[in-house]
Amino acid sequence: MPIEDEDVIARSGKTHHPIVRFTGQGGDNVDGTVVEITDAELLAADAYEVAAYKRIGVVLTSGLRAWVYVDARYLLED
């Protein structure tokens, strides 16, 4: 996902953020780490993320439930 905020580019040194999107392929997955955070930290993360990201609940291959931020353009509508 291209970064449009020049301050973010200057601070991070990056022009793009990685982003998860739904592919419809059952074998596709993303490696990562589950981090336990407080409700306040979750709300702060929501405030930080731009509209291009949407937080959704998922069940990980481990069976744990977790929140993940995904590319809002590829969400399936209910």
C-alpha atoms as a PDB file:
ATOM      1  CA  MET A   1       0.000   0.000   0.000  1.00  0.00           C
ATOM      2  CA  PRO A   2       1.614   3.317  -1.016  1.00  0.00           C
ATOM      3  CA  ILE A   3       2.220   5.765   1.826  1.00  0.00           C
ATOM      4  CA  GLU A   4       0.784   9.176   0.987  1.00  0.00           C
ATOM      5  CA  ASP A   5       1.800  11.083   4.128  1.00  0.00           C
ATOM      6  CA  GLU A   6       5.212  12.704   3.569  1.00  0.00           C
ATOM      7  CA  ASP A   7       5.871  12.844   7.346  1.00  0.00           C
ATOM      8  CA  VAL A   8       5.367   9.082   7.612  1.00  0.00           C
ATOM      9  CA  ILE A   9       7.712   8.520   4.673  1.00  0.00           C
ATOM     10  CA  ALA A  10      10.332  10.773   6.272  1.00  0.00           C
ATOM     11  CA  ARG A  11      10.072   9.019   9.650  1.00  0.00           C
ATOM     12  CA  SER A  12       9.918   5.453   8.361  1.00  0.00           C
ATOM     13  CA  GLY A  13      12.148   5.751   5.324  1.00  0.00           C
ATOM     14  CA  LYS A  14       9.606   3.647   3.429  1.00  0.00           C
ATOM     15  CA  THR A  15       7.225   4.510   0.597  1.00  0.00           C
ATOM     16  CA  HIS A  16       4.914   1.480   1.043  1.00  0.00           C
ATOM     17  CA  HIS A  17       3.265  -0.377   3.926  1.00  0.00           C
ATOM     18  CA  PRO A  18       2.687  -4.129   3.778  1.00  0.00           C
ATOM     19  CA  ILE A  19      -1.000  -4.999   3.800  1.00  0.00           C
ATOM     20  CA  VAL A  20      -3.037  -8.214   3.942  1.00  0.00           C
ATOM     21  CA  ARG A  21      -5.730  -8.809   1.351  1.00  0.00           C
ATOM     22  CA  PHE A  22      -8.160 -11.653   0.777  1.00  0.00           C
ATOM     23  CA  THR A  23      -7.199 -13.842  -2.185  1.00  0.00           C
ATOM     24  CA  GLY A  24      -9.844 -16.550  -1.968  1.00  0.00           C
ATOM     25  CA  GLN A  25      -7.102 -19.178  -1.991  1.00  0.00           C
ATOM     26  CA  GLY A  26      -7.420 -21.540   0.978  1.00  0.00           C
ATOM     27  CA  GLY A  27      -3.699 -22.214   1.120  1.00  0.00           C
ATOM     28  CA  ASP A  28      -2.700 -18.544   1.308  1.00  0.00           C
ATOM     29  CA  ASN A  29      -1.641 -17.375   4.749  1.00  0.00           C
ATOM     30  CA  VAL A  30       0.472 -14.793   6.520  1.00  0.00           C
ATOM     31  CA  ASP A  31       3.140 -15.701   9.047  1.00  0.00           C
ATOM     32  CA  GLY A  32       3.112 -13.561  12.138  1.00  0.00           C
ATOM     33  CA  THR A  33       3.071 -13.257  15.890  1.00  0.00           C
ATOM     34  CA  VAL A  34       0.098 -12.829  18.186  1.00  0.00           C
ATOM     35  CA  VAL A  35       0.564  -9.969  20.625  1.00  0.00           C
ATOM     36  CA  GLU A  36      -1.823  -9.462  23.529  1.00  0.00           C
ATOM     37  CA  ILE A  37      -2.752  -5.811  24.016  1.00  0.00           C
ATOM     38  CA  THR A  38      -5.184  -3.877  26.179  1.00  0.00           C
ATOM     39  CA  ASP A  39      -8.494  -2.449  24.973  1.00  0.00           C
ATOM     40  CA  ALA A  40      -6.938   1.034  25.172  1.00  0.00           C
ATOM     41  CA  GLU A  41      -4.024  -0.060  22.987  1.00  0.00           C
ATOM     42  CA  LEU A  42      -6.446  -1.566  20.464  1.00  0.00           C
ATOM     43  CA  LEU A  43      -8.391   1.694  20.296  1.00  0.00           C
ATOM     44  CA  ALA A  44      -5.127   3.609  19.836  1.00  0.00           C
ATOM     45  CA  ALA A  45      -4.197   1.293  16.958  1.00  0.00           C
ATOM     46  CA  ASP A  46      -7.612   1.891  15.379  1.00  0.00           C
ATOM     47  CA  ALA A  47      -7.088   5.662  15.658  1.00  0.00           C
ATOM     48  CA  TYR A  48      -3.651   5.353  14.062  1.00  0.00           C
ATOM     49  CA  GLU A  49      -4.666   3.289  11.034  1.00  0.00           C
ATOM     50  CA  VAL A  50      -5.884   5.040   7.899  1.00  0.00           C
ATOM     51  CA  ALA A  51      -9.129   4.184   6.084  1.00  0.00           C
ATOM     52  CA  ALA A  52      -7.248   1.820   3.736  1.00  0.00           C
ATOM     53  CA  TYR A  53      -6.992  -0.634   6.646  1.00  0.00           C
ATOM     54  CA  LYS A  54      -9.941  -2.332   8.327  1.00  0.00           C
ATOM     55  CA  ARG A  55      -9.731  -4.374  11.532  1.00  0.00           C
ATOM     56  CA  ILE A  56     -11.480  -7.732  11.337  1.00  0.00           C
ATOM     57  CA  GLY A  57     -11.688 -10.765  13.615  1.00  0.00           C
ATOM     58  CA  VAL A  58     -10.196 -14.010  12.330  1.00  0.00           C
ATOM     59  CA  VAL A  59      -9.496 -17.535  13.512  1.00  0.00           C
ATOM     60  CA  LEU A  60      -5.818 -18.311  13.040  1.00  0.00           C
ATOM     61  CA  THR A  61      -4.509 -21.694  11.902  1.00  0.00           C
ATOM     62  CA  SER A  62      -3.512 -22.225  15.546  1.00  0.00           C
ATOM     63  CA  GLY A  63      -7.190 -21.956  16.483  1.00  0.00           C
ATOM     64  CA  LEU A  64      -6.695 -18.665  18.323  1.00  0.00           C
ATOM     65  CA  ARG A  65      -9.026 -15.774  17.602  1.00  0.00           C
ATOM     66  CA  ALA A  66      -7.307 -12.488  16.782  1.00  0.00           C
ATOM     67  CA  TRP A  67      -7.842  -9.050  15.313  1.00  0.00           C
ATOM     68  CA  VAL A  68      -5.978  -8.283  12.087  1.00  0.00           C
ATOM     69  CA  TYR A  69      -5.830  -5.201   9.901  1.00  0.00           C
ATOM     70  CA  VAL A  70      -6.519  -5.934   6.244  1.00  0.00           C
ATOM     71  CA  ASP A  71      -6.831  -4.057   2.983  1.00  0.00           C
ATOM     72  CA  ALA A  72     -10.342  -2.565   3.136  1.00  0.00           C
ATOM     73  CA  ARG A  73     -10.657  -2.667  -0.666  1.00  0.00           C
ATOM     74  CA  TYR A  74     -10.814  -6.474  -0.687  1.00  0.00           C
ATOM     75  CA  LEU A  75     -13.321  -7.100   2.086  1.00  0.00           C
ATOM     76  CA  LEU A  76     -16.364  -9.119   1.195  1.00  0.00           C
ATOM     77  CA  GLU A  77     -19.573  -7.362   2.163  1.00  0.00           C
ATOM     78  CA  ASP A  78     -22.155  -9.250   4.226  1.00  0.00           C
END
